[in-house]
Amino acid sequence: MNIKDYQQEVFALTQRWIKRLSREKFSMLFTLVQPMIFWLIFFGNLFKHSAAANVLQGAPDYMSFLAAGVVVMTVLNNGLAGGVDLLFDKENGFLERLMSTPIHRTSVILSRYLFVMMITSMQILVILAVAFFFGVKAKTGILGIFVIMLIGMLFGIGLTAISMAMAFSVKSHGDFFSVLGFLSLPMIFLSSALVPLQAMPGWMQVVAAFNPMTWVIDAVRPLIITGWEAAIPQVTLALIILAIFDAICLYGGAKAFQRAIG
């Protein structure tokens, strides 16, 4: 198969995911607005007066501090849910019929990655726009926003690989959502998304230090509230950690995919 045919396959399958979402109007609406309403607006305003300013890592207020956490939480939720549609395709037999056609099997996986990353990028822009409305302006400007999106997409690659590995491995969507809930909430609360590490109990600080989400948030946060001088070392470290994280997740996802189609 030549590269042009492969690109057409990926494009066609990506269009399928987009059309499926576009038919679900309420799902599309809540996919875009849920993070900013429930986390940024409600949670941010609820706790903006209760957070001590001396532990907010240089943020002028809690809304500014929370913005990075909401961005990364959105990436987390989208990535871990990225395999849901593949799971439903597997359950209704469509995935098996699709795999029996003369297409390159990796085009199914790549199209799903592209779709999840597209939705995630749109959500990040919406969140940052709403945060700007509340007075939170990225100190690093347009280039910083681009770097935030790049970090988010790199984190999303590994998370989506985990999700698709689960989709190919579990027997039912009930098992999938049980594992999804078990993974997502601990990763959120055992990270620096909602409070700084120094405000956590000691044992939580230790666990959070091994959570890749913490390193991603600590890279995104200075891009929003501090500037390039503080951001560059954190971004560099996060990119190294994400390269390792993505390599492990993609390897595991590839093994799960091979077993599923074997």
C-alpha atoms as a PDB file:
ATOM      1  CA  MET A   1       0.000   0.000   0.000  1.00  0.00           C
ATOM      2  CA  ASN A   2       1.353   3.439  -0.919  1.00  0.00           C
ATOM      3  CA  ILE A   3       1.349   6.434   1.398  1.00  0.00           C
ATOM      4  CA  LYS A   4      -1.467   8.181  -0.463  1.00  0.00           C
ATOM      5  CA  ASP A   5      -3.863   5.265   0.049  1.00  0.00           C
ATOM      6  CA  TYR A   6      -2.903   5.111   3.723  1.00  0.00           C
ATOM      7  CA  GLN A   7      -3.578   8.835   4.157  1.00  0.00           C
ATOM      8  CA  GLN A   8      -6.987   8.425   2.505  1.00  0.00           C
ATOM      9  CA  GLU A   9      -7.849   5.593   4.872  1.00  0.00           C
ATOM     10  CA  VAL A  10      -6.855   7.614   7.935  1.00  0.00           C
ATOM     11  CA  PHE A  11      -8.770  10.650   6.673  1.00  0.00           C
ATOM     12  CA  ALA A  12     -11.909   8.625   5.940  1.00  0.00           C
ATOM     13  CA  LEU A  13     -11.880   6.916   9.327  1.00  0.00           C
ATOM     14  CA  THR A  14     -11.247  10.220  11.115  1.00  0.00           C
ATOM     15  CA  GLN A  15     -14.232  11.684   9.286  1.00  0.00           C
ATOM     16  CA  ARG A  16     -16.296   8.763  10.567  1.00  0.00           C
ATOM     17  CA  TRP A  17     -15.483   9.652  14.189  1.00  0.00           C
ATOM     18  CA  ILE A  18     -16.299  13.309  13.522  1.00  0.00           C
ATOM     19  CA  LYS A  19     -19.632  12.477  11.863  1.00  0.00           C
ATOM     20  CA  ARG A  20     -20.550  10.162  14.727  1.00  0.00           C
ATOM     21  CA  LEU A  21     -19.950  12.933  17.253  1.00  0.00           C
ATOM     22  CA  SER A  22     -21.744  15.539  15.116  1.00  0.00           C
ATOM     23  CA  ARG A  23     -24.878  13.376  15.129  1.00  0.00           C
ATOM     24  CA  GLU A  24     -24.850  13.416  18.926  1.00  0.00           C
ATOM     25  CA  LYS A  25     -25.560  17.120  19.475  1.00  0.00           C
ATOM     26  CA  PHE A  26     -25.799  17.036  23.264  1.00  0.00           C
ATOM     27  CA  SER A  27     -22.726  14.845  23.550  1.00  0.00           C
ATOM     28  CA  MET A  28     -20.747  17.270  21.382  1.00  0.00           C
ATOM     29  CA  LEU A  29     -21.956  20.252  23.417  1.00  0.00           C
ATOM     30  CA  PHE A  30     -21.122  18.745  26.791  1.00  0.00           C
ATOM     31  CA  THR A  31     -17.791  17.434  25.489  1.00  0.00           C
ATOM     32  CA  LEU A  32     -16.720  21.023  24.817  1.00  0.00           C
ATOM     33  CA  VAL A  33     -18.257  22.900  27.765  1.00  0.00           C
ATOM     34  CA  GLN A  34     -18.249  20.391  30.645  1.00  0.00           C
ATOM     35  CA  PRO A  35     -14.624  20.965  31.756  1.00  0.00           C
ATOM     36  CA  MET A  36     -14.901  24.747  31.844  1.00  0.00           C
ATOM     37  CA  ILE A  37     -18.300  24.797  33.580  1.00  0.00           C
ATOM     38  CA  PHE A  38     -17.796  22.189  36.273  1.00  0.00           C
ATOM     39  CA  TRP A  39     -14.120  22.642  36.998  1.00  0.00           C
ATOM     40  CA  LEU A  40     -12.965  26.078  35.958  1.00  0.00           C
ATOM     41  CA  ILE A  41     -16.078  28.141  36.723  1.00  0.00           C
ATOM     42  CA  PHE A  42     -17.753  26.253  39.581  1.00  0.00           C
ATOM     43  CA  PHE A  43     -14.713  24.786  41.317  1.00  0.00           C
ATOM     44  CA  GLY A  44     -12.517  27.814  40.685  1.00  0.00           C
ATOM     45  CA  ASN A  45     -15.015  30.302  42.067  1.00  0.00           C
ATOM     46  CA  LEU A  46     -15.993  28.034  44.951  1.00  0.00           C
ATOM     47  CA  PHE A  47     -12.449  27.782  46.315  1.00  0.00           C
ATOM     48  CA  LYS A  48     -10.920  31.062  45.156  1.00  0.00           C
ATOM     49  CA  HIS A  49     -11.201  32.582  48.638  1.00  0.00           C
ATOM     50  CA  SER A  50     -10.153  29.486  50.560  1.00  0.00           C
ATOM     51  CA  ALA A  51      -6.747  28.887  48.946  1.00  0.00           C
ATOM     52  CA  ALA A  52      -3.823  30.484  50.737  1.00  0.00           C
ATOM     53  CA  ALA A  53      -1.948  32.808  48.397  1.00  0.00           C
ATOM     54  CA  ASN A  54       1.437  31.748  49.766  1.00  0.00           C
ATOM     55  CA  VAL A  55       1.058  28.177  48.442  1.00  0.00           C
ATOM     56  CA  LEU A  56      -0.198  28.940  44.928  1.00  0.00           C
ATOM     57  CA  GLN A  57       3.225  28.736  43.247  1.00  0.00           C
ATOM     58  CA  GLY A  58       3.287  32.393  42.241  1.00  0.00           C
ATOM     59  CA  ALA A  59      -0.296  32.508  40.959  1.00  0.00           C
ATOM     60  CA  PRO A  60      -2.140  35.746  41.777  1.00  0.00           C
ATOM     61  CA  ASP A  61      -5.354  33.862  42.570  1.00  0.00           C
ATOM     62  CA  TYR A  62      -6.807  30.368  42.660  1.00  0.00           C
ATOM     63  CA  MET A  63      -8.444  30.688  39.229  1.00  0.00           C
ATOM     64  CA  SER A  64      -5.022  31.302  37.674  1.00  0.00           C
ATOM     65  CA  PHE A  65      -3.596  28.356  39.600  1.00  0.00           C
ATOM     66  CA  LEU A  66      -6.467  26.044  38.637  1.00  0.00           C
ATOM     67  CA  ALA A  67      -6.407  26.802  34.895  1.00  0.00           C
ATOM     68  CA  ALA A  68      -3.419  24.517  34.244  1.00  0.00           C
ATOM     69  CA  GLY A  69      -5.015  21.736  36.281  1.00  0.00           C
ATOM     70  CA  VAL A  70      -8.270  21.973  34.320  1.00  0.00           C
ATOM     71  CA  VAL A  71      -6.384  21.857  31.011  1.00  0.00           C
ATOM     72  CA  VAL A  72      -4.527  18.685  31.998  1.00  0.00           C
ATOM     73  CA  MET A  73      -7.609  17.095  33.607  1.00  0.00           C
ATOM     74  CA  THR A  74      -9.409  17.596  30.305  1.00  0.00           C
ATOM     75  CA  VAL A  75      -6.564  15.880  28.454  1.00  0.00           C
ATOM     76  CA  LEU A  76      -6.702  13.045  31.008  1.00  0.00           C
ATOM     77  CA  ASN A  77     -10.445  12.482  30.682  1.00  0.00           C
ATOM     78  CA  ASN A  78     -10.407  12.674  26.884  1.00  0.00           C
ATOM     79  CA  GLY A  79      -7.429  10.361  26.586  1.00  0.00           C
ATOM     80  CA  LEU A  80      -8.753   7.710  28.956  1.00  0.00           C
ATOM     81  CA  ALA A  81     -12.118   7.805  27.179  1.00  0.00           C
ATOM     82  CA  GLY A  82     -10.494   7.681  23.745  1.00  0.00           C
ATOM     83  CA  GLY A  83     -11.051   3.945  23.293  1.00  0.00           C
ATOM     84  CA  VAL A  84     -14.776   3.965  24.106  1.00  0.00           C
ATOM     85  CA  ASP A  85     -15.998   4.096  20.508  1.00  0.00           C
ATOM     86  CA  LEU A  86     -13.572   1.347  19.497  1.00  0.00           C
ATOM     87  CA  LEU A  87     -14.962  -0.770  22.320  1.00  0.00           C
ATOM     88  CA  PHE A  88     -18.524  -0.261  21.084  1.00  0.00           C
ATOM     89  CA  ASP A  89     -17.392  -1.094  17.532  1.00  0.00           C
ATOM     90  CA  LYS A  90     -15.857  -4.286  18.902  1.00  0.00           C
ATOM     91  CA  GLU A  91     -19.019  -5.220  20.801  1.00  0.00           C
ATOM     92  CA  ASN A  92     -21.374  -4.698  17.843  1.00  0.00           C
ATOM     93  CA  GLY A  93     -19.074  -6.540  15.419  1.00  0.00           C
ATOM     94  CA  PHE A  94     -18.228  -3.536  13.245  1.00  0.00           C
ATOM     95  CA  LEU A  95     -14.550  -3.588  14.184  1.00  0.00           C
ATOM     96  CA  GLU A  96     -14.233  -7.236  13.120  1.00  0.00           C
ATOM     97  CA  ARG A  97     -15.884  -6.472   9.767  1.00  0.00           C
ATOM     98  CA  LEU A  98     -13.640  -3.435   9.322  1.00  0.00           C
ATOM     99  CA  MET A  99     -10.519  -5.486  10.004  1.00  0.00           C
ATOM    100  CA  SER A 100     -11.568  -8.003   7.366  1.00  0.00           C
ATOM    101  CA  THR A 101     -11.440  -5.334   4.665  1.00  0.00           C
ATOM    102  CA  PRO A 102      -8.196  -4.634   2.741  1.00  0.00           C
ATOM    103  CA  ILE A 103      -7.129  -1.642   4.818  1.00  0.00           C
ATOM    104  CA  HIS A 104      -4.009  -1.097   6.860  1.00  0.00           C
ATOM    105  CA  ARG A 105      -4.982  -1.960  10.410  1.00  0.00           C
ATOM    106  CA  THR A 106      -2.958   0.826  11.981  1.00  0.00           C
ATOM    107  CA  SER A 107      -5.074   3.390  10.137  1.00  0.00           C
ATOM    108  CA  VAL A 108      -7.907   2.599  12.562  1.00  0.00           C
ATOM    109  CA  ILE A 109      -5.670   3.402  15.516  1.00  0.00           C
ATOM    110  CA  LEU A 110      -4.115   6.511  13.976  1.00  0.00           C
ATOM    111  CA  SER A 111      -7.512   7.930  13.000  1.00  0.00           C
ATOM    112  CA  ARG A 112      -8.687   7.556  16.584  1.00  0.00           C
ATOM    113  CA  TYR A 113      -5.584   9.348  17.865  1.00  0.00           C
ATOM    114  CA  LEU A 114      -6.163  12.217  15.454  1.00  0.00           C
ATOM    115  CA  PHE A 115      -9.806  12.553  16.442  1.00  0.00           C
ATOM    116  CA  VAL A 116      -9.095  12.555  20.195  1.00  0.00           C
ATOM    117  CA  MET A 117      -6.271  15.066  19.794  1.00  0.00           C
ATOM    118  CA  MET A 118      -8.485  17.347  17.695  1.00  0.00           C
ATOM    119  CA  ILE A 119     -11.245  17.378  20.318  1.00  0.00           C
ATOM    120  CA  THR A 120      -8.701  17.852  23.100  1.00  0.00           C
ATOM    121  CA  SER A 121      -7.088  20.814  21.324  1.00  0.00           C
ATOM    122  CA  MET A 122     -10.484  22.477  20.881  1.00  0.00           C
ATOM    123  CA  GLN A 123     -11.259  22.006  24.565  1.00  0.00           C
ATOM    124  CA  ILE A 124      -7.905  23.455  25.638  1.00  0.00           C
ATOM    125  CA  LEU A 125      -8.560  26.576  23.568  1.00  0.00           C
ATOM    126  CA  VAL A 126     -12.071  26.927  25.017  1.00  0.00           C
ATOM    127  CA  ILE A 127     -10.762  26.540  28.582  1.00  0.00           C
ATOM    128  CA  LEU A 128      -8.021  29.129  28.061  1.00  0.00           C
ATOM    129  CA  ALA A 129     -10.525  31.498  26.451  1.00  0.00           C
ATOM    130  CA  VAL A 130     -12.896  31.203  29.415  1.00  0.00           C
ATOM    131  CA  ALA A 131      -9.981  31.588  31.839  1.00  0.00           C
ATOM    132  CA  PHE A 132      -9.003  34.772  29.959  1.00  0.00           C
ATOM    133  CA  PHE A 133     -12.556  36.063  30.511  1.00  0.00           C
ATOM    134  CA  PHE A 134     -11.962  35.628  34.260  1.00  0.00           C
ATOM    135  CA  GLY A 135      -8.694  37.544  34.057  1.00  0.00           C
ATOM    136  CA  VAL A 136      -6.267  34.645  33.540  1.00  0.00           C
ATOM    137  CA  LYS A 137      -3.894  35.552  30.716  1.00  0.00           C
ATOM    138  CA  ALA A 138      -1.050  33.273  29.623  1.00  0.00           C
ATOM    139  CA  LYS A 139       2.199  35.083  30.462  1.00  0.00           C
ATOM    140  CA  THR A 140       3.972  33.357  27.573  1.00  0.00           C
ATOM    141  CA  GLY A 141       1.492  34.579  24.949  1.00  0.00           C
ATOM    142  CA  ILE A 142       0.446  32.788  21.777  1.00  0.00           C
ATOM    143  CA  LEU A 143       3.628  30.717  21.630  1.00  0.00           C
ATOM    144  CA  GLY A 144       2.989  29.556  25.190  1.00  0.00           C
ATOM    145  CA  ILE A 145      -0.530  28.471  24.265  1.00  0.00           C
ATOM    146  CA  PHE A 146       0.920  26.482  21.373  1.00  0.00           C
ATOM    147  CA  VAL A 147       3.367  24.790  23.764  1.00  0.00           C
ATOM    148  CA  ILE A 148       0.500  24.037  26.183  1.00  0.00           C
ATOM    149  CA  MET A 149      -1.400  22.335  23.366  1.00  0.00           C
ATOM    150  CA  LEU A 150       1.727  20.418  22.315  1.00  0.00           C
ATOM    151  CA  ILE A 151       2.303  19.140  25.864  1.00  0.00           C
ATOM    152  CA  GLY A 152      -1.372  18.247  26.170  1.00  0.00           C
ATOM    153  CA  MET A 153      -1.342  16.268  22.931  1.00  0.00           C
ATOM    154  CA  LEU A 154       1.825  14.404  23.912  1.00  0.00           C
ATOM    155  CA  PHE A 155       0.241  13.456  27.223  1.00  0.00           C
ATOM    156  CA  GLY A 156      -2.945  12.500  25.385  1.00  0.00           C
ATOM    157  CA  ILE A 157      -1.080  10.070  23.120  1.00  0.00           C
ATOM    158  CA  GLY A 158      -0.044   7.887  26.045  1.00  0.00           C
ATOM    159  CA  LEU A 159      -3.451   8.128  27.711  1.00  0.00           C
ATOM    160  CA  THR A 160      -5.280   7.225  24.495  1.00  0.00           C
ATOM    161  CA  ALA A 161      -2.945   4.247  24.071  1.00  0.00           C
ATOM    162  CA  ILE A 162      -3.933   3.077  27.571  1.00  0.00           C
ATOM    163  CA  SER A 163      -7.611   3.539  26.729  1.00  0.00           C
ATOM    164  CA  MET A 164      -7.389   1.617  23.447  1.00  0.00           C
ATOM    165  CA  ALA A 165      -5.419  -1.142  25.146  1.00  0.00           C
ATOM    166  CA  MET A 166      -8.280  -1.450  27.658  1.00  0.00           C
ATOM    167  CA  ALA A 167     -10.843  -1.397  24.845  1.00  0.00           C
ATOM    168  CA  PHE A 168      -9.119  -4.317  23.114  1.00  0.00           C
ATOM    169  CA  SER A 169      -8.565  -6.222  26.371  1.00  0.00           C
ATOM    170  CA  VAL A 170     -11.800  -5.994  28.391  1.00  0.00           C
ATOM    171  CA  LYS A 171     -14.857  -8.086  27.627  1.00  0.00           C
ATOM    172  CA  SER A 172     -17.572  -5.440  28.091  1.00  0.00           C
ATOM    173  CA  HIS A 173     -18.080  -1.712  28.339  1.00  0.00           C
ATOM    174  CA  GLY A 174     -19.073  -2.191  31.979  1.00  0.00           C
ATOM    175  CA  ASP A 175     -15.562  -3.418  32.781  1.00  0.00           C
ATOM    176  CA  PHE A 176     -14.084  -0.574  30.741  1.00  0.00           C
ATOM    177  CA  PHE A 177     -15.935   2.165  32.614  1.00  0.00           C
ATOM    178  CA  SER A 178     -15.119   0.568  35.956  1.00  0.00           C
ATOM    179  CA  VAL A 179     -11.402   0.661  35.168  1.00  0.00           C
ATOM    180  CA  LEU A 180     -11.776   4.181  33.739  1.00  0.00           C
ATOM    181  CA  GLY A 181     -13.287   5.480  36.966  1.00  0.00           C
ATOM    182  CA  PHE A 182     -10.650   3.703  39.025  1.00  0.00           C
ATOM    183  CA  LEU A 183      -7.840   5.359  37.039  1.00  0.00           C
ATOM    184  CA  SER A 184      -9.107   8.890  36.482  1.00  0.00           C
ATOM    185  CA  LEU A 185     -10.079  10.103  39.955  1.00  0.00           C
ATOM    186  CA  PRO A 186      -6.914   8.932  41.762  1.00  0.00           C
ATOM    187  CA  MET A 187      -4.764  10.479  39.016  1.00  0.00           C
ATOM    188  CA  ILE A 188      -6.565  13.810  39.461  1.00  0.00           C
ATOM    189  CA  PHE A 189      -6.482  13.961  43.253  1.00  0.00           C
ATOM    190  CA  LEU A 190      -2.963  12.526  43.510  1.00  0.00           C
ATOM    191  CA  SER A 191      -1.543  15.332  41.387  1.00  0.00           C
ATOM    192  CA  SER A 192      -1.000  19.077  41.652  1.00  0.00           C
ATOM    193  CA  ALA A 193      -4.166  19.818  39.656  1.00  0.00           C
ATOM    194  CA  LEU A 194      -6.257  21.188  42.536  1.00  0.00           C
ATOM    195  CA  VAL A 195      -3.682  22.043  45.207  1.00  0.00           C
ATOM    196  CA  PRO A 196       0.109  22.487  45.218  1.00  0.00           C
ATOM    197  CA  LEU A 197       2.220  19.526  46.279  1.00  0.00           C
ATOM    198  CA  GLN A 198       3.402  21.309  49.421  1.00  0.00           C
ATOM    199  CA  ALA A 199      -0.194  21.600  50.624  1.00  0.00           C
ATOM    200  CA  MET A 200      -0.680  17.802  50.482  1.00  0.00           C
ATOM    201  CA  PRO A 201      -0.006  15.263  53.234  1.00  0.00           C
ATOM    202  CA  GLY A 202       3.448  13.735  52.995  1.00  0.00           C
ATOM    203  CA  TRP A 203       2.356  10.367  51.645  1.00  0.00           C
ATOM    204  CA  MET A 204       0.279  12.055  48.926  1.00  0.00           C
ATOM    205  CA  GLN A 205       3.264  14.147  47.887  1.00  0.00           C
ATOM    206  CA  VAL A 206       5.309  10.979  47.399  1.00  0.00           C
ATOM    207  CA  VAL A 207       2.610   9.305  45.299  1.00  0.00           C
ATOM    208  CA  ALA A 208       1.954  12.491  43.287  1.00  0.00           C
ATOM    209  CA  ALA A 209       5.642  12.721  42.417  1.00  0.00           C
ATOM    210  CA  PHE A 210       5.283   9.439  40.479  1.00  0.00           C
ATOM    211  CA  ASN A 211       2.134  10.620  38.688  1.00  0.00           C
ATOM    212  CA  PRO A 212       2.993  11.827  35.148  1.00  0.00           C
ATOM    213  CA  MET A 213       0.022  14.182  35.370  1.00  0.00           C
ATOM    214  CA  THR A 214       1.840  16.166  38.069  1.00  0.00           C
ATOM    215  CA  TRP A 215       4.837  16.802  35.821  1.00  0.00           C
ATOM    216  CA  VAL A 216       2.590  17.861  32.944  1.00  0.00           C
ATOM    217  CA  ILE A 217       0.665  20.303  35.157  1.00  0.00           C
ATOM    218  CA  ASP A 218       3.889  21.704  36.610  1.00  0.00           C
ATOM    219  CA  ALA A 219       5.049  22.385  33.037  1.00  0.00           C
ATOM    220  CA  VAL A 220       1.782  23.996  31.904  1.00  0.00           C
ATOM    221  CA  ARG A 221       1.278  26.148  35.032  1.00  0.00           C
ATOM    222  CA  PRO A 222       4.332  28.445  34.623  1.00  0.00           C
ATOM    223  CA  LEU A 223       3.437  28.909  30.960  1.00  0.00           C
ATOM    224  CA  ILE A 224       0.222  30.500  32.217  1.00  0.00           C
ATOM    225  CA  ILE A 225       1.164  32.306  35.411  1.00  0.00           C
ATOM    226  CA  THR A 226       4.935  32.925  35.456  1.00  0.00           C
ATOM    227  CA  GLY A 227       6.663  33.177  32.076  1.00  0.00           C
ATOM    228  CA  TRP A 228       9.354  31.534  29.987  1.00  0.00           C
ATOM    229  CA  GLU A 229      12.181  31.800  32.508  1.00  0.00           C
ATOM    230  CA  ALA A 230      10.425  29.525  34.985  1.00  0.00           C
ATOM    231  CA  ALA A 231       8.655  27.457  32.316  1.00  0.00           C
ATOM    232  CA  ILE A 232      11.561  26.259  30.171  1.00  0.00           C
ATOM    233  CA  PRO A 233      13.159  23.897  32.750  1.00  0.00           C
ATOM    234  CA  GLN A 234       9.758  22.442  33.670  1.00  0.00           C
ATOM    235  CA  VAL A 235       8.720  22.028  30.030  1.00  0.00           C
ATOM    236  CA  THR A 236      12.013  20.326  29.167  1.00  0.00           C
ATOM    237  CA  LEU A 237      11.655  17.878  32.057  1.00  0.00           C
ATOM    238  CA  ALA A 238       8.014  17.197  31.171  1.00  0.00           C
ATOM    239  CA  LEU A 239       8.916  16.442  27.540  1.00  0.00           C
ATOM    240  CA  ILE A 240      11.509  13.886  28.659  1.00  0.00           C
ATOM    241  CA  ILE A 241       9.034  12.222  31.020  1.00  0.00           C
ATOM    242  CA  LEU A 242       6.303  12.234  28.363  1.00  0.00           C
ATOM    243  CA  ALA A 243       8.636  10.622  25.829  1.00  0.00           C
ATOM    244  CA  ILE A 244       9.210   7.729  28.251  1.00  0.00           C
ATOM    245  CA  PHE A 245       5.532   7.586  29.250  1.00  0.00           C
ATOM    246  CA  ASP A 246       4.304   7.549  25.641  1.00  0.00           C
ATOM    247  CA  ALA A 247       6.842   4.908  24.597  1.00  0.00           C
ATOM    248  CA  ILE A 248       5.694   2.560  27.384  1.00  0.00           C
ATOM    249  CA  CYS A 249       2.005   3.172  26.704  1.00  0.00           C
ATOM    250  CA  LEU A 250       2.327   2.779  22.935  1.00  0.00           C
ATOM    251  CA  TYR A 251       4.244  -0.461  23.381  1.00  0.00           C
ATOM    252  CA  GLY A 252       1.553  -1.833  25.691  1.00  0.00           C
ATOM    253  CA  GLY A 253      -1.207  -0.612  23.378  1.00  0.00           C
ATOM    254  CA  ALA A 254       0.433  -2.249  20.357  1.00  0.00           C
ATOM    255  CA  LYS A 255       0.691  -5.564  22.221  1.00  0.00           C
ATOM    256  CA  ALA A 256      -2.987  -5.397  23.217  1.00  0.00           C
ATOM    257  CA  PHE A 257      -3.964  -4.613  19.612  1.00  0.00           C
ATOM    258  CA  GLN A 258      -1.922  -7.523  18.253  1.00  0.00           C
ATOM    259  CA  ARG A 259      -3.550  -9.930  20.715  1.00  0.00           C
ATOM    260  CA  ALA A 260      -7.012  -8.638  19.839  1.00  0.00           C
ATOM    261  CA  ILE A 261      -6.621  -9.097  16.082  1.00  0.00           C
ATOM    262  CA  GLY A 262      -4.469 -12.210  16.304  1.00  0.00           C
END
